[in-house]
């Protein structure tokens, strides 16, 4: 009965749409105006979407080597590290990854503290990209999924992998497809990188996707997929069975679920000039996965944004409820300090 009630609440919230999302409180967080991250003097943040809390006060961030695509990015700055480990004050603990990436996109920290990072593009010479890389906490490359520089729809190929997640049992989930004109699917591997299954295709029905941009998992083992171009979150079990669809978290570029089952969804695209998800506010939606309610919205301060993205494309949070945002258009990483810490 409880599950039916929870599902009913989530469906009602999805139908209420804009009227519901406007009730979220925005005053719980203090927006740090400066750039988060004391980078070396010769380095500034590039487009950043990959960010994940590492535990123990540490935050992983990957940017695109000071740029985004083309000149000035990881494609031609082969001596520049895209991956940084920072503490809560923004001090750099370590960096690595120079020469390994074309377009860092999503990341995840597994239960052994290993770091997983997706590379969602290929290089001009087709020698790297379209892969998922696993690193030790010290930066040693441990495993790579996908064929370097090759696009494809087979079991061991990717077409622009957006994000990766590792379940508590070690199974690996990859959200594949940054463009809705190519494969849009979730691919599952075992802990050794052996293909198990996949689901999804391009579309707007349950179990279909238009840019599955990010992944998260709650304490029940449910897989949350940020189905961005469909302006929704889809929820599945680990065999790919569709459980629910939520639209009350905006048009999510990222989803992150902390150890208390609090969901953080970064909406960087709503209400743009081409009327993507019209009437919705951009920002970081924060709520509980148990009942689907949105409790807080950290609004984008740019009230009249131009272009297709602004504010956070990536979001994560520490155990005190402080939020860390990775911004692509602004080429920035920002911290939002919780006024009343959660612990």
Protein backbone atom coordinates (compact mmCIF):
# COMPACT_ATOMS: atom_id res chain seq x y z
CA UNK A 1 0.00 0.00 0.00
CA UNK A 2 2.83 2.42 0.87
CA UNK A 3 4.44 1.92 -2.55
CA UNK A 4 1.11 2.64 -4.25
CA UNK A 5 0.67 5.83 -2.23
CA UNK A 6 4.22 6.99 -3.03
CA UNK A 7 3.74 6.26 -6.73
CA UNK A 8 0.44 8.13 -6.67
CA UNK A 9 2.06 11.17 -5.06
CA UNK A 10 4.85 11.17 -7.66
CA UNK A 11 2.29 10.98 -10.49
CA UNK A 12 0.26 13.82 -9.00
CA UNK A 13 3.37 15.98 -8.67
CA UNK A 14 4.29 15.32 -12.28
CA UNK A 15 0.83 16.45 -13.38
CA UNK A 16 0.93 19.59 -11.25
CA UNK A 17 4.04 20.75 -13.09
CA UNK A 18 5.01 24.42 -12.83
CA UNK A 19 2.56 25.26 -10.04
CA UNK A 20 4.25 22.68 -7.85
CA UNK A 21 7.87 23.56 -8.59
CA UNK A 22 7.27 27.23 -7.73
CA UNK A 23 6.67 26.34 -4.06
CA UNK A 24 10.25 25.17 -3.47
CA UNK A 25 12.30 27.24 -1.03
CA UNK A 26 15.41 29.01 -2.34
CA UNK A 27 16.82 30.61 0.84
CA UNK A 28 18.42 27.53 2.39
CA UNK A 29 21.69 27.99 0.50
CA UNK A 30 24.30 30.75 0.36
CA UNK A 31 25.67 31.16 -3.16
CA UNK A 32 29.44 31.58 -3.20
CA UNK A 33 30.07 34.25 -5.81
CA UNK A 34 33.67 33.33 -6.53
CA UNK A 35 35.12 30.41 -8.44
CA UNK A 36 35.47 27.22 -6.40
CA UNK A 37 38.88 25.64 -6.80
CA UNK A 38 42.30 27.19 -6.27
CA UNK A 39 43.81 26.03 -9.55
CA UNK A 40 47.43 26.59 -10.58
CA UNK A 41 48.19 30.13 -11.75
CA UNK A 42 48.37 29.12 -15.42
CA UNK A 43 45.02 27.29 -15.34
CA UNK A 44 41.34 28.29 -15.36
CA UNK A 45 38.29 26.06 -15.38
CA UNK A 46 36.94 25.03 -18.75
CA UNK A 47 33.48 23.64 -19.43
CA UNK A 48 32.73 21.33 -16.51
CA UNK A 49 29.89 18.83 -16.19
CA UNK A 50 31.62 15.96 -14.36
CA UNK A 51 31.52 16.37 -10.58
CA UNK A 52 31.05 13.87 -7.76
CA UNK A 53 31.54 13.85 -4.01
CA UNK A 54 34.34 11.48 -2.99
CA UNK A 55 33.59 11.35 0.74
CA UNK A 56 35.75 12.57 3.61
CA UNK A 57 35.39 16.17 2.51
CA UNK A 58 36.79 15.60 -0.99
CA UNK A 59 35.23 16.48 -4.37
CA UNK A 60 36.19 15.13 -7.79
CA UNK A 61 35.82 17.46 -10.79
CA UNK A 62 36.67 17.01 -14.47
CA UNK A 63 36.66 19.91 -16.89
CA UNK A 64 37.64 20.11 -20.56
CA UNK A 65 41.22 21.29 -20.06
CA UNK A 66 40.30 24.98 -19.89
CA UNK A 67 38.07 24.92 -23.00
CA UNK A 68 35.12 22.93 -24.28
CA UNK A 69 35.56 21.52 -27.81
CA UNK A 70 38.20 22.16 -30.45
CA UNK A 71 41.22 24.43 -29.92
CA UNK A 72 41.97 25.17 -26.28
CA UNK A 73 40.31 21.99 -25.02
CA UNK A 74 41.52 18.49 -24.21
CA UNK A 75 41.66 17.71 -27.93
CA UNK A 76 44.86 19.72 -28.37
CA UNK A 77 46.07 20.47 -24.81
CA UNK A 78 47.59 17.06 -24.26
CA UNK A 79 49.75 18.16 -21.32
CA UNK A 80 46.83 19.54 -19.25
CA UNK A 81 45.14 17.48 -16.53
CA UNK A 82 41.32 17.48 -16.76
CA UNK A 83 40.67 15.64 -13.47
CA UNK A 84 41.06 17.29 -10.06
CA UNK A 85 40.53 16.17 -6.48
CA UNK A 86 39.64 19.15 -4.26
CA UNK A 87 38.87 19.54 -0.59
CA UNK A 88 35.89 21.50 0.75
CA UNK A 89 37.92 24.71 0.68
CA UNK A 90 38.77 24.21 -2.97
CA UNK A 91 42.43 23.33 -2.48
CA UNK A 92 43.81 20.94 -5.11
CA UNK A 93 44.86 17.60 -3.62
CA UNK A 94 45.90 15.98 -6.89
CA UNK A 95 45.24 16.10 -10.63
CA UNK A 96 45.75 13.68 -13.52
CA UNK A 97 44.41 12.51 -16.89
CA UNK A 98 46.48 14.60 -19.33
CA UNK A 99 46.32 13.21 -22.87
CA UNK A 100 43.64 10.59 -22.08
CA UNK A 101 40.44 12.46 -22.89
CA UNK A 102 38.68 14.26 -25.71
CA UNK A 103 35.53 15.48 -23.90
CA UNK A 104 35.16 14.47 -20.22
CA UNK A 105 31.46 14.31 -19.47
CA UNK A 106 30.23 12.34 -16.43
CA UNK A 107 31.78 10.68 -13.39
CA UNK A 108 31.06 8.35 -10.48
CA UNK A 109 32.86 7.20 -7.32
CA UNK A 110 32.33 3.53 -6.48
CA UNK A 111 32.27 1.82 -3.08
CA UNK A 112 36.03 1.20 -3.26
CA UNK A 113 36.65 4.93 -3.88
CA UNK A 114 37.66 4.29 -7.49
CA UNK A 115 36.80 7.08 -9.94
CA UNK A 116 34.93 6.42 -13.20
CA UNK A 117 34.86 9.06 -15.97
CA UNK A 118 33.15 9.01 -19.37
CA UNK A 119 34.64 10.48 -22.55
CA UNK A 120 31.69 11.47 -24.77
CA UNK A 121 33.48 12.36 -28.02
CA UNK A 122 36.20 11.08 -30.34
CA UNK A 123 39.44 12.71 -31.42
CA UNK A 124 40.08 13.84 -34.99
CA UNK A 125 42.45 10.94 -35.56
CA UNK A 126 40.03 8.45 -33.96
CA UNK A 127 42.65 7.29 -31.48
CA UNK A 128 40.77 8.09 -28.28
CA UNK A 129 37.32 8.93 -26.93
CA UNK A 130 33.95 7.14 -26.73
CA UNK A 131 35.10 5.25 -23.65
CA UNK A 132 34.54 4.89 -19.93
CA UNK A 133 37.68 4.91 -17.78
CA UNK A 134 38.16 3.57 -14.25
CA UNK A 135 40.91 5.09 -12.09
CA UNK A 136 42.26 4.31 -8.65
CA UNK A 137 41.94 7.14 -6.10
CA UNK A 138 45.56 8.00 -6.91
CA UNK A 139 44.90 8.27 -10.65
CA UNK A 140 46.11 4.90 -11.96
CA UNK A 141 44.11 3.73 -14.97
CA UNK A 142 42.55 0.38 -13.99
CA UNK A 143 40.03 -0.38 -16.75
CA UNK A 144 38.54 1.07 -19.92
CA UNK A 145 35.20 0.16 -21.49
CA UNK A 146 34.50 0.80 -25.16
CA UNK A 147 36.84 0.86 -28.15
CA UNK A 148 39.05 3.95 -28.25
CA UNK A 149 37.92 6.42 -30.92
CA UNK A 150 35.29 4.09 -32.39
CA UNK A 151 31.53 4.70 -32.41
CA UNK A 152 29.09 1.83 -32.64
CA UNK A 153 25.99 0.16 -31.27
CA UNK A 154 27.44 -3.24 -30.43
CA UNK A 155 27.85 -4.65 -26.96
CA UNK A 156 31.30 -3.16 -26.42
CA UNK A 157 30.94 0.08 -28.41
CA UNK A 158 29.55 3.45 -27.38
CA UNK A 159 28.07 6.45 -29.14
CA UNK A 160 29.03 9.32 -26.81
CA UNK A 161 28.67 7.82 -23.29
CA UNK A 162 27.22 10.48 -21.00
CA UNK A 163 27.55 8.96 -17.55
CA UNK A 164 28.48 5.84 -15.60
CA UNK A 165 27.34 4.29 -12.32
CA UNK A 166 28.58 1.27 -10.37
CA UNK A 167 26.04 -0.60 -8.22
CA UNK A 168 26.99 -1.91 -4.76
CA UNK A 169 27.48 -5.42 -6.23
CA UNK A 170 29.95 -4.07 -8.80
CA UNK A 171 27.69 -4.08 -11.86
CA UNK A 172 28.39 -1.15 -14.19
CA UNK A 173 25.72 0.95 -15.89
CA UNK A 174 26.54 3.32 -18.76
CA UNK A 175 24.15 5.97 -20.14
CA UNK A 176 24.99 6.03 -23.84
CA UNK A 177 23.97 8.64 -26.41
CA UNK A 178 24.52 12.38 -26.23
CA UNK A 179 22.59 12.93 -29.45
CA UNK A 180 19.02 11.69 -29.95
CA UNK A 181 19.83 10.86 -33.57
CA UNK A 182 22.11 8.01 -32.41
CA UNK A 183 21.65 5.15 -29.94
CA UNK A 184 20.05 6.22 -26.67
CA UNK A 185 20.29 3.38 -24.20
CA UNK A 186 21.48 2.08 -20.84
CA UNK A 187 24.15 -0.62 -21.07
CA UNK A 188 24.93 -2.94 -18.16
CA UNK A 189 28.21 -4.79 -17.57
CA UNK A 190 29.47 -6.94 -14.72
CA UNK A 191 32.37 -5.85 -12.52
CA UNK A 192 34.87 -7.35 -14.99
CA UNK A 193 33.47 -5.29 -17.86
CA UNK A 194 31.59 -8.17 -19.51
CA UNK A 195 28.39 -7.20 -21.31
CA UNK A 196 25.17 -8.27 -19.57
CA UNK A 197 22.23 -6.45 -21.13
CA UNK A 198 20.91 -3.13 -22.43
CA UNK A 199 17.61 -1.31 -22.81
CA UNK A 200 16.21 1.80 -24.43
CA UNK A 201 15.88 3.46 -27.82
CA UNK A 202 15.13 6.95 -29.07
CA UNK A 203 11.64 8.11 -28.14
CA UNK A 204 9.41 9.57 -25.45
CA UNK A 205 7.56 6.49 -24.20
CA UNK A 206 8.40 4.73 -20.94
CA UNK A 207 11.79 3.07 -21.32
CA UNK A 208 12.76 5.25 -24.28
CA UNK A 209 15.18 8.18 -24.10
CA UNK A 210 16.19 11.43 -25.69
CA UNK A 211 19.69 11.97 -24.30
CA UNK A 212 20.05 9.85 -21.13
CA UNK A 213 22.42 12.40 -19.61
CA UNK A 214 23.10 11.14 -16.08
CA UNK A 215 22.58 8.26 -13.64
CA UNK A 216 22.02 7.84 -9.90
CA UNK A 217 20.95 5.01 -7.59
CA UNK A 218 19.01 5.17 -4.33
CA UNK A 219 19.26 2.93 -1.25
CA UNK A 220 16.59 0.62 -2.69
CA UNK A 221 18.79 -0.07 -5.72
CA UNK A 222 16.53 1.83 -8.13
CA UNK A 223 18.32 3.39 -11.10
CA UNK A 224 17.42 7.04 -11.83
CA UNK A 225 18.07 8.25 -15.38
CA UNK A 226 18.13 11.97 -16.27
CA UNK A 227 16.25 11.75 -19.57
CA UNK A 228 17.15 15.33 -20.42
CA UNK A 229 15.62 16.07 -23.80
CA UNK A 230 12.35 14.51 -22.58
CA UNK A 231 12.44 16.80 -19.50
CA UNK A 232 12.02 13.98 -17.02
CA UNK A 233 13.64 11.44 -14.74
CA UNK A 234 12.89 7.78 -15.45
CA UNK A 235 13.29 5.18 -12.71
CA UNK A 236 14.15 1.52 -13.39
CA UNK A 237 15.10 -1.61 -11.55
CA UNK A 238 18.53 -3.03 -12.33
CA UNK A 239 17.14 -5.32 -15.03
CA UNK A 240 15.79 -2.38 -17.01
CA UNK A 241 12.14 -2.65 -15.97
CA UNK A 242 10.48 0.77 -15.92
CA UNK A 243 9.12 1.72 -12.48
CA UNK A 244 8.14 5.37 -12.68
CA UNK A 245 8.56 8.70 -14.48
CA UNK A 246 9.02 12.03 -12.66
CA UNK A 247 8.80 15.45 -14.28
CA UNK A 248 8.75 17.57 -11.11
CA UNK A 249 12.57 17.87 -11.09
CA UNK A 250 12.65 19.97 -14.26
CA UNK A 251 14.80 19.18 -17.28
CA UNK A 252 17.72 17.35 -15.63
CA UNK A 253 21.26 17.41 -16.94
CA UNK A 254 22.46 15.61 -13.80
CA UNK A 255 21.05 13.58 -10.93
CA UNK A 256 22.88 12.82 -7.70
CA UNK A 257 21.51 10.91 -4.69
CA UNK A 258 23.29 11.16 -1.35
CA UNK A 259 23.46 8.62 1.48
CA UNK A 260 20.21 10.01 2.96
CA UNK A 261 18.28 9.42 -0.26
CA UNK A 262 18.16 13.13 -1.05
CA UNK A 263 18.10 13.74 -4.81
CA UNK A 264 19.84 16.71 -6.44
CA UNK A 265 18.80 17.37 -10.05
CA UNK A 266 20.64 20.02 -12.06
CA UNK A 267 18.35 21.69 -14.60
CA UNK A 268 20.50 23.79 -16.93
CA UNK A 269 18.22 23.99 -19.97
CA UNK A 270 14.60 24.77 -19.03
CA UNK A 271 12.86 27.79 -20.55
CA UNK A 272 15.53 28.53 -23.15
CA UNK A 273 14.99 30.59 -26.29
CA UNK A 274 13.86 27.52 -28.23
CA UNK A 275 11.25 26.86 -25.52
CA UNK A 276 12.74 23.76 -24.02
CA UNK A 277 10.51 22.86 -21.05
CA UNK A 278 8.74 26.27 -21.09
CA UNK A 279 7.61 27.84 -17.82
CA UNK A 280 10.12 26.00 -15.64
CA UNK A 281 12.95 27.64 -13.74
CA UNK A 282 16.53 26.59 -14.22
CA UNK A 283 18.38 25.57 -11.11
CA UNK A 284 19.21 22.68 -8.80
CA UNK A 285 16.08 20.87 -7.60
CA UNK A 286 16.48 19.09 -4.27
CA UNK A 287 14.03 16.54 -2.89
CA UNK A 288 13.46 13.14 -1.31
CA UNK A 289 13.40 9.99 -3.44
CA UNK A 290 11.01 8.34 -0.98
CA UNK A 291 8.03 10.55 -1.80
CA UNK A 292 9.23 12.51 -4.85
CA UNK A 293 8.62 15.91 -3.29
CA UNK A 294 10.86 18.83 -4.32
CA UNK A 295 11.81 20.70 -1.14
CA UNK A 296 14.35 23.25 -2.39
CA UNK A 297 15.22 24.97 -5.65
CA UNK A 298 18.57 26.73 -5.94
CA UNK A 299 17.58 29.06 -8.76
CA UNK A 300 19.75 30.17 -11.64
CA UNK A 301 20.51 33.85 -10.90
CA UNK A 302 20.52 34.57 -14.64
CA UNK A 303 16.83 35.43 -15.00
CA UNK A 304 16.94 35.90 -18.79
CA UNK A 305 19.49 33.36 -20.00
CA UNK A 306 20.54 33.19 -23.61
CA UNK A 307 21.82 30.12 -25.38
CA UNK A 308 20.81 26.58 -24.52
CA UNK A 309 22.44 26.13 -21.10
CA UNK A 310 23.38 28.07 -17.97
CA UNK A 311 23.99 27.38 -14.28
CA UNK A 312 24.81 23.84 -13.18
CA UNK A 313 24.98 20.90 -15.58
CA UNK A 314 26.57 18.79 -12.86
CA UNK A 315 25.73 18.72 -9.16
CA UNK A 316 26.86 16.85 -6.07
CA UNK A 317 26.64 17.33 -2.30
CA UNK A 318 28.66 16.56 0.82
CA UNK A 319 27.33 15.09 4.07
CA UNK A 320 26.59 18.56 5.45
CA UNK A 321 24.26 19.37 2.56
CA UNK A 322 26.63 21.78 0.82
CA UNK A 323 26.15 21.62 -2.95
CA UNK A 324 28.91 21.79 -5.57
CA UNK A 325 27.93 22.74 -9.11
CA UNK A 326 29.81 22.24 -12.38
CA UNK A 327 28.92 24.81 -15.04
CA UNK A 328 29.52 24.31 -18.77
CA UNK A 329 28.52 27.65 -20.30
CA UNK A 330 30.10 29.69 -17.49
CA UNK A 331 33.19 27.43 -17.40
CA UNK A 332 33.13 27.42 -13.65
CA UNK A 333 32.73 25.31 -10.52
CA UNK A 334 30.67 26.84 -7.72
CA UNK A 335 29.81 26.01 -4.11
CA UNK A 336 26.45 26.58 -2.42
CA UNK A 337 26.81 26.47 1.36
CA UNK A 338 23.89 25.06 3.33
CA UNK A 339 22.81 27.69 5.88
CA UNK A 340 21.64 25.00 8.30
CA UNK A 341 23.90 21.97 7.90
CA UNK A 342 22.13 18.63 7.59
CA UNK A 343 24.32 17.17 10.34
